[in-house]
N, C-alpha and C. Protein backbone atom coordinates (compact mmCIF):
# COMPACT_ATOMS: atom_id res chain seq x y z
N MET A 1 -54.42 -15.87 36.33
CA MET A 1 -53.69 -16.63 36.47
C MET A 1 -52.53 -16.50 36.75
N ASN A 2 -51.72 -16.99 37.80
CA ASN A 2 -50.46 -16.45 38.49
C ASN A 2 -49.31 -17.97 38.75
N PRO A 3 -49.01 -19.02 37.37
CA PRO A 3 -48.51 -19.91 37.93
C PRO A 3 -47.09 -19.74 38.26
N ASP A 4 -46.92 -20.68 39.28
CA ASP A 4 -45.42 -20.36 39.61
C ASP A 4 -44.48 -21.07 38.37
N LEU A 5 -44.07 -20.23 37.67
CA LEU A 5 -43.68 -21.35 36.48
C LEU A 5 -41.61 -20.66 36.57
N ASN A 6 -40.80 -21.87 36.70
CA ASN A 6 -39.26 -21.63 36.89
C ASN A 6 -38.58 -22.18 35.23
N LEU A 7 -38.23 -20.99 34.68
CA LEU A 7 -37.52 -21.17 33.27
C LEU A 7 -35.92 -20.53 33.57
N ASP A 8 -35.51 -21.11 34.85
CA ASP A 8 -34.02 -20.84 35.16
C ASP A 8 -33.30 -22.07 35.07
N CYS A 9 -32.70 -22.22 33.95
CA CYS A 9 -32.25 -23.39 33.11
C CYS A 9 -30.60 -23.59 33.23
N ALA A 10 -29.81 -24.19 33.95
CA ALA A 10 -28.55 -24.66 34.56
C ALA A 10 -27.74 -24.80 32.70
N SER A 11 -28.33 -25.45 31.90
CA SER A 11 -27.82 -25.68 30.53
C SER A 11 -28.62 -25.90 29.92
N PRO A 12 -28.38 -25.67 28.40
CA PRO A 12 -29.27 -26.09 27.14
C PRO A 12 -30.31 -26.89 27.03
N GLU A 13 -29.13 -27.89 27.64
CA GLU A 13 -30.68 -29.29 27.44
C GLU A 13 -31.72 -29.38 28.49
N ASP A 14 -31.51 -28.11 29.67
CA ASP A 14 -32.79 -28.10 30.34
C ASP A 14 -33.69 -27.54 29.63
N VAL A 15 -33.53 -26.80 29.20
CA VAL A 15 -34.73 -25.48 28.26
C VAL A 15 -35.98 -26.40 27.65
N PRO A 16 -35.66 -27.23 26.46
CA PRO A 16 -36.91 -28.19 26.81
C PRO A 16 -37.98 -28.57 27.35
N ALA A 17 -37.15 -29.00 28.75
CA ALA A 17 -38.25 -29.52 29.68
C ALA A 17 -38.71 -28.26 31.08
N ALA A 18 -38.19 -27.23 30.65
CA ALA A 18 -39.30 -26.29 31.48
C ALA A 18 -39.94 -25.42 30.69
N LEU A 19 -39.83 -25.52 29.01
CA LEU A 19 -40.82 -25.51 28.47
C LEU A 19 -42.16 -26.19 28.38
N ARG A 20 -41.91 -27.19 28.49
CA ARG A 20 -42.96 -28.41 28.51
C ARG A 20 -43.96 -28.09 30.02
N ALA A 21 -42.84 -28.11 31.03
CA ALA A 21 -43.51 -27.54 32.21
C ALA A 21 -44.44 -26.85 32.06
N ALA A 22 -43.99 -25.72 31.71
CA ALA A 22 -44.78 -24.32 31.75
C ALA A 22 -45.73 -24.66 30.59
N ALA A 23 -45.68 -25.44 29.52
CA ALA A 23 -46.95 -25.38 28.96
C ALA A 23 -48.04 -26.38 29.84
N ILE A 24 -47.88 -27.34 30.67
CA ILE A 24 -48.41 -28.28 31.04
C ILE A 24 -49.23 -27.37 32.35
N LYS A 25 -48.31 -26.64 32.93
CA LYS A 25 -49.47 -25.51 33.67
C LYS A 25 -50.42 -24.65 33.01
N PHE A 26 -50.15 -24.04 31.97
CA PHE A 26 -51.10 -23.12 30.99
C PHE A 26 -51.67 -24.19 30.38
N ARG A 27 -51.96 -25.28 29.96
CA ARG A 27 -53.39 -26.27 30.15
C ARG A 27 -53.70 -26.28 31.25
N GLU A 28 -53.57 -26.80 32.22
CA GLU A 28 -54.06 -26.63 33.76
C GLU A 28 -54.98 -25.45 34.26
N ALA A 29 -53.82 -24.30 33.39
CA ALA A 29 -54.88 -23.09 33.59
C ALA A 29 -56.34 -23.18 32.93
N THR A 30 -56.16 -23.18 31.80
CA THR A 30 -56.98 -23.59 30.75
C THR A 30 -58.42 -24.58 31.01
N SER A 31 -57.84 -25.40 31.83
CA SER A 31 -59.23 -26.37 32.28
C SER A 31 -59.73 -25.99 33.56
N ASP A 32 -58.82 -25.07 34.43
CA ASP A 32 -59.32 -24.71 35.40
C ASP A 32 -60.42 -23.51 35.20
N LEU A 33 -60.13 -22.43 34.24
CA LEU A 33 -61.03 -21.39 34.15
C LEU A 33 -62.07 -22.14 33.46
N GLN A 34 -61.92 -23.12 32.55
CA GLN A 34 -63.26 -23.44 31.83
C GLN A 34 -64.27 -24.39 33.06
N ALA A 35 -63.47 -24.80 33.89
CA ALA A 35 -64.15 -25.51 34.90
C ALA A 35 -65.29 -24.22 35.63
N ALA A 36 -64.37 -23.48 36.05
CA ALA A 36 -64.85 -22.32 37.05
C ALA A 36 -66.21 -21.79 36.20
N TRP A 37 -65.83 -21.38 35.12
CA TRP A 37 -66.70 -20.46 34.55
C TRP A 37 -67.79 -20.77 33.65
N GLY A 38 -67.68 -22.24 33.61
CA GLY A 38 -68.40 -23.26 32.86
C GLY A 38 -68.58 -22.98 31.56
N ASP A 39 -67.47 -22.52 31.06
CA ASP A 39 -67.64 -22.25 29.39
C ASP A 39 -66.22 -22.81 28.83
N LYS A 40 -66.57 -23.75 27.70
CA LYS A 40 -65.24 -24.12 27.10
C LYS A 40 -64.37 -22.85 26.23
N SER A 41 -64.65 -21.89 26.12
CA SER A 41 -63.76 -20.89 25.67
C SER A 41 -63.25 -20.08 26.59
N ALA A 42 -63.28 -20.05 27.90
CA ALA A 42 -62.59 -19.46 28.85
C ALA A 42 -61.14 -20.24 28.74
N GLY A 43 -60.07 -19.15 28.64
CA GLY A 43 -59.10 -19.61 29.45
C GLY A 43 -58.21 -20.51 27.66
N VAL A 44 -58.49 -20.01 26.46
CA VAL A 44 -58.69 -20.75 25.42
C VAL A 44 -56.90 -20.30 25.01
N ILE A 45 -56.55 -18.76 25.25
CA ILE A 45 -55.05 -18.57 25.21
C ILE A 45 -54.10 -18.96 25.99
N TRP A 46 -54.42 -19.59 27.11
CA TRP A 46 -53.57 -20.48 27.81
C TRP A 46 -53.04 -21.41 27.21
N SER A 47 -54.22 -21.99 26.62
CA SER A 47 -54.19 -23.31 25.44
C SER A 47 -52.78 -23.64 24.10
N ARG A 48 -53.54 -22.15 23.56
CA ARG A 48 -52.77 -21.82 22.14
C ARG A 48 -51.06 -21.88 22.66
N PHE A 49 -50.55 -20.46 23.74
CA PHE A 49 -49.51 -20.69 24.16
C PHE A 49 -49.31 -21.56 24.85
N ALA A 50 -49.90 -22.73 25.24
CA ALA A 50 -48.92 -23.83 25.47
C ALA A 50 -48.48 -24.53 24.40
N THR A 51 -49.54 -24.52 23.59
CA THR A 51 -48.81 -25.54 22.17
C THR A 51 -47.78 -24.36 21.57
N ILE A 52 -47.81 -23.31 21.74
CA ILE A 52 -46.36 -22.39 21.24
C ILE A 52 -45.39 -23.16 22.01
N LEU A 53 -45.43 -23.14 23.33
CA LEU A 53 -44.40 -23.93 24.47
C LEU A 53 -43.75 -25.20 23.49
N GLU A 54 -44.59 -26.21 23.56
CA GLU A 54 -44.74 -27.21 23.10
C GLU A 54 -43.81 -27.40 21.86
N ALA A 55 -43.86 -26.46 20.96
CA ALA A 55 -43.67 -26.65 19.50
C ALA A 55 -41.56 -25.88 19.87
N ALA A 56 -42.06 -24.89 20.73
CA ALA A 56 -40.60 -24.61 20.66
C ALA A 56 -39.76 -25.49 21.87
N ALA A 57 -40.30 -25.97 22.57
CA ALA A 57 -39.38 -27.35 22.92
C ALA A 57 -39.11 -28.28 22.22
N THR A 58 -40.22 -28.53 21.17
CA THR A 58 -39.57 -29.33 20.23
C THR A 58 -38.25 -29.03 19.20
N LYS A 59 -38.25 -27.88 19.05
CA LYS A 59 -37.43 -27.05 18.19
C LYS A 59 -35.98 -27.21 18.48
N CYS A 60 -36.23 -26.83 20.15
CA CYS A 60 -34.94 -27.01 21.15
C CYS A 60 -34.38 -28.10 21.25
N ASP A 61 -35.14 -29.13 21.30
CA ASP A 61 -34.31 -30.54 21.18
C ASP A 61 -34.00 -31.04 20.11
N ALA A 62 -34.44 -30.65 18.73
CA ALA A 62 -33.63 -30.27 17.24
C ALA A 62 -32.58 -30.01 17.65
N ALA A 63 -32.59 -28.54 18.05
CA ALA A 63 -31.09 -27.69 18.08
C ALA A 63 -30.11 -28.58 18.93
N ILE A 64 -30.50 -29.21 19.62
CA ILE A 64 -29.50 -30.47 21.01
C ILE A 64 -29.04 -31.32 19.90
N ASP A 65 -29.26 -31.69 19.54
CA ASP A 65 -29.52 -32.92 18.63
C ASP A 65 -28.66 -32.82 17.60
N LYS A 66 -28.52 -31.41 16.79
CA LYS A 66 -27.32 -31.35 16.03
C LYS A 66 -26.26 -30.62 16.63
N ILE A 67 -25.95 -30.35 17.89
CA ILE A 67 -24.77 -30.42 18.47
C ILE A 67 -23.97 -31.56 18.52
């Protein structure tokens, strides 16, 4: 997998959206691998990484809200 991820953020407020965009690409990679290999367990690590990125985005939102 070689997604074109852009994690270059101009401000802290941009970070959650960048993390969520990366998570979406990771979930798409999971689906692509599962379809290509015909195996539901293929690419599961990308799905797990997506979940971690989504949680991080939520924590970033909370940190921004406290400012």
